[in-house]
C-alpha atoms as a PDB file:
ATOM      1  CA  MET A   1      -6.627  57.899  19.655  1.00  0.00           C
ATOM      2  CA  ALA A   2      -7.268  60.892  17.589  1.00  0.00           C
ATOM      3  CA  ARG A   3     -10.009  58.651  15.446  1.00  0.00           C
ATOM      4  CA  ARG A   4     -11.740  57.864  18.185  1.00  0.00           C
ATOM      5  CA  GLU A   5     -12.266  61.486  19.416  1.00  0.00           C
ATOM      6  CA  GLY A   6     -13.100  62.737  15.599  1.00  0.00           C
ATOM      7  CA  GLY A   7      -9.947  64.847  15.232  1.00  0.00           C
ATOM      8  CA  ILE A   8      -8.737  62.732  12.458  1.00  0.00           C
ATOM      9  CA  SER A   9     -11.245  61.266   9.719  1.00  0.00           C
ATOM     10  CA  TYR A  10     -10.791  58.038   8.151  1.00  0.00           C
ATOM     11  CA  SER A  11      -8.948  57.715   4.995  1.00  0.00           C
ATOM     12  CA  SER A  12     -11.957  56.099   3.120  1.00  0.00           C
ATOM     13  CA  ALA A  13     -15.668  55.082   3.700  1.00  0.00           C
ATOM     14  CA  ASP A  14     -14.659  51.272   3.493  1.00  0.00           C
ATOM     15  CA  GLN A  15     -12.132  51.986   6.157  1.00  0.00           C
ATOM     16  CA  ALA A  16     -14.771  53.676   8.742  1.00  0.00           C
ATOM     17  CA  ARG A  17     -17.303  50.499   7.647  1.00  0.00           C
ATOM     18  CA  ARG A  18     -13.973  48.176   8.773  1.00  0.00           C
ATOM     19  CA  VAL A  19     -13.566  50.046  12.292  1.00  0.00           C
ATOM     20  CA  GLU A  20     -17.307  49.950  13.178  1.00  0.00           C
ATOM     21  CA  LYS A  21     -17.658  46.586  12.202  1.00  0.00           C
ATOM     22  CA  ALA A  22     -14.861  45.540  14.398  1.00  0.00           C
ATOM     23  CA  ALA A  23     -15.885  47.378  17.443  1.00  0.00           C
ATOM     24  CA  ASP A  24     -19.285  45.436  17.291  1.00  0.00           C
ATOM     25  CA  ARG A  25     -17.272  42.088  17.376  1.00  0.00           C
ATOM     26  CA  ARG A  26     -15.816  43.055  20.567  1.00  0.00           C
ATOM     27  CA  LEU A  27     -19.262  44.115  21.809  1.00  0.00           C
ATOM     28  CA  ALA A  28     -20.447  40.971  20.929  1.00  0.00           C
ATOM     29  CA  LYS A  29     -17.439  38.998  22.522  1.00  0.00           C
ATOM     30  CA  LYS A  30     -17.558  41.313  25.657  1.00  0.00           C
ATOM     31  CA  ALA A  31     -21.256  40.717  25.896  1.00  0.00           C
ATOM     32  CA  GLN A  32     -20.448  36.547  25.431  1.00  0.00           C
ATOM     33  CA  ASP A  33     -17.907  36.950  28.332  1.00  0.00           C
ATOM     34  CA  ASN A  34     -20.240  38.664  30.852  1.00  0.00           C
ATOM     35  CA  VAL A  35     -22.984  35.897  30.591  1.00  0.00           C
ATOM     36  CA  GLY A  36     -23.332  34.538  33.787  1.00  0.00           C
ATOM     37  CA  LYS A  37     -21.801  37.390  35.616  1.00  0.00           C
ATOM     38  CA  TYR A  38     -23.523  40.225  37.469  1.00  0.00           C
ATOM     39  CA  ILE A  39     -22.147  43.653  35.808  1.00  0.00           C
ATOM     40  CA  PRO A  40     -22.443  47.146  36.859  1.00  0.00           C
ATOM     41  CA  THR A  41     -24.389  49.962  35.688  1.00  0.00           C
ATOM     42  CA  SER A  42     -25.226  53.235  36.714  1.00  0.00           C
ATOM     43  CA  ASN A  43     -28.804  54.997  36.172  1.00  0.00           C
ATOM     44  CA  PRO A  44     -29.924  58.201  36.290  1.00  0.00           C
ATOM     45  CA  ARG A  45     -33.048  57.472  37.597  1.00  0.00           C
ATOM     46  CA  ARG A  46     -31.523  55.038  40.525  1.00  0.00           C
ATOM     47  CA  LYS A  47     -28.499  54.949  42.451  1.00  0.00           C
ATOM     48  CA  ARG A  48     -25.787  52.159  40.740  1.00  0.00           C
ATOM     49  CA  THR A  49     -26.991  49.159  40.277  1.00  0.00           C
ATOM     50  CA  ARG A  50     -25.558  45.319  38.977  1.00  0.00           C
ATOM     51  CA  ILE A  51     -27.342  43.382  36.074  1.00  0.00           C
ATOM     52  CA  HIS A  52     -27.678  39.672  36.229  1.00  0.00           C
ATOM     53  CA  PHE A  53     -26.291  39.328  33.008  1.00  0.00           C
ATOM     54  CA  THR A  54     -28.049  35.823  31.076  1.00  0.00           C
ATOM     55  CA  GLU A  55     -28.104  34.148  28.273  1.00  0.00           C
ATOM     56  CA  GLU A  56     -31.602  35.292  27.633  1.00  0.00           C
ATOM     57  CA  ARG A  57     -30.884  39.036  28.499  1.00  0.00           C
ATOM     58  CA  MET A  58     -27.878  39.056  25.928  1.00  0.00           C
ATOM     59  CA  LYS A  59     -30.233  37.697  23.027  1.00  0.00           C
ATOM     60  CA  ASN A  60     -32.313  40.468  24.028  1.00  0.00           C
ATOM     61  CA  PHE A  61     -30.031  43.210  24.040  1.00  0.00           C
ATOM     62  CA  GLU A  62     -28.611  41.834  20.790  1.00  0.00           C
ATOM     63  CA  ARG A  63     -32.160  41.590  18.991  1.00  0.00           C
ATOM     64  CA  ASN A  64     -33.080  44.856  20.031  1.00  0.00           C
ATOM     65  CA  ARG A  65     -29.663  46.586  19.375  1.00  0.00           C
ATOM     66  CA  GLU A  66     -30.333  45.374  16.139  1.00  0.00           C
ATOM     67  CA  ARG A  67     -34.090  46.776  15.591  1.00  0.00           C
ATOM     68  CA  LYS A  68     -32.850  50.054  17.034  1.00  0.00           C
ATOM     69  CA  LEU A  69     -30.069  50.657  14.660  1.00  0.00           C
ATOM     70  CA  ARG A  70     -32.090  49.566  12.021  1.00  0.00           C
ATOM     71  CA  GLY A  71     -34.762  52.681  12.896  1.00  0.00           C
ATOM     72  CA  GLU A  72     -37.562  50.054  14.190  1.00  0.00           C
ATOM     73  CA  TRP A  73     -39.603  51.700  17.037  1.00  0.00           C
ATOM     74  CA  LEU A  74     -39.177  49.840  20.487  1.00  0.00           C
ATOM     75  CA  ASP A  75     -41.538  49.344  23.382  1.00  0.00           C
ATOM     76  CA  ASN A  76     -40.696  51.344  26.507  1.00  0.00           C
ATOM     77  CA  GLU A  77     -39.796  48.148  28.681  1.00  0.00           C
ATOM     78  CA  GLU A  78     -37.357  46.625  25.515  1.00  0.00           C
ATOM     79  CA  TRP A  79     -35.471  50.259  25.409  1.00  0.00           C
ATOM     80  CA  PHE A  80     -34.719  50.426  28.475  1.00  0.00           C
ATOM     81  CA  ALA A  81     -33.702  47.287  29.263  1.00  0.00           C
ATOM     82  CA  MET A  82     -31.252  47.531  26.214  1.00  0.00           C
ATOM     83  CA  MET A  83     -30.343  50.862  27.194  1.00  0.00           C
ATOM     84  CA  ASP A  84     -29.153  49.529  30.888  1.00  0.00           C
ATOM     85  CA  THR A  85     -26.929  46.746  29.484  1.00  0.00           C
ATOM     86  CA  ALA A  86     -25.712  49.167  26.712  1.00  0.00           C
ATOM     87  CA  ARG A  87     -24.496  51.338  29.656  1.00  0.00           C
ATOM     88  CA  ALA A  88     -22.980  48.375  31.687  1.00  0.00           C
ATOM     89  CA  LEU A  89     -21.361  46.991  28.233  1.00  0.00           C
ATOM     90  CA  LYS A  90     -20.025  50.443  27.452  1.00  0.00           C
ATOM     91  CA  ASP A  91     -21.617  50.388  23.801  1.00  0.00           C
ATOM     92  CA  HIS A  92     -19.750  52.225  21.759  1.00  0.00           C
ATOM     93  CA  ARG A  93     -22.963  53.429  19.745  1.00  0.00           C
ATOM     94  CA  ILE A  94     -25.008  54.844  22.660  1.00  0.00           C
ATOM     95  CA  LEU A  95     -25.573  57.975  20.977  1.00  0.00           C
ATOM     96  CA  GLN A  96     -27.370  55.996  17.977  1.00  0.00           C
ATOM     97  CA  LEU A  97     -29.264  53.641  20.168  1.00  0.00           C
ATOM     98  CA  ARG A  98     -30.468  56.927  22.549  1.00  0.00           C
ATOM     99  CA  ALA A  99     -31.934  58.753  19.469  1.00  0.00           C
ATOM    100  CA  SER A 100     -35.344  58.726  18.681  1.00  0.00           C
ATOM    101  CA  PRO A 101     -36.528  56.657  15.402  1.00  0.00           C
ATOM    102  CA  ALA A 102     -37.447  58.446  12.392  1.00  0.00           C
ATOM    103  CA  PRO A 103     -40.455  59.865  11.791  1.00  0.00           C
ATOM    104  CA  ALA A 104     -41.742  56.579   9.516  1.00  0.00           C
ATOM    105  CA  ALA A 105     -40.440  54.491  12.055  1.00  0.00           C
ATOM    106  CA  TYR A 106     -43.668  55.465  14.757  1.00  0.00           C
ATOM    107  CA  GLU A 107     -46.182  53.597  15.448  1.00  0.00           C
ATOM    108  CA  VAL A 108     -49.488  54.884  14.511  1.00  0.00           C
ATOM    109  CA  GLY A 109     -52.182  55.462  17.129  1.00  0.00           C
ATOM    110  CA  LYS A 110     -49.809  55.187  20.439  1.00  0.00           C
END
């Protein structure tokens, strides 16, 4: 628990990568288990809502999540859909998903 809260660092970079990979696998399993269900989410712009978590929404979430973690730019519609789903699934990387992309990732002319 202290490691999760940042009080204790990992003994090695390899251990930190393994822990992140395990958390990603747990999130993927949680997403797969919720396909076809209505999952609750909160959104500051609206009252509590529920998302119908379909197979298509899961695939879009996984694709856009990977793109965002690589530092790619997402359109507003894709980003908001990804964030709503990340909130509903309690994604452990939500702060990284909310972050702005690196300056080199911005699209010119938009």
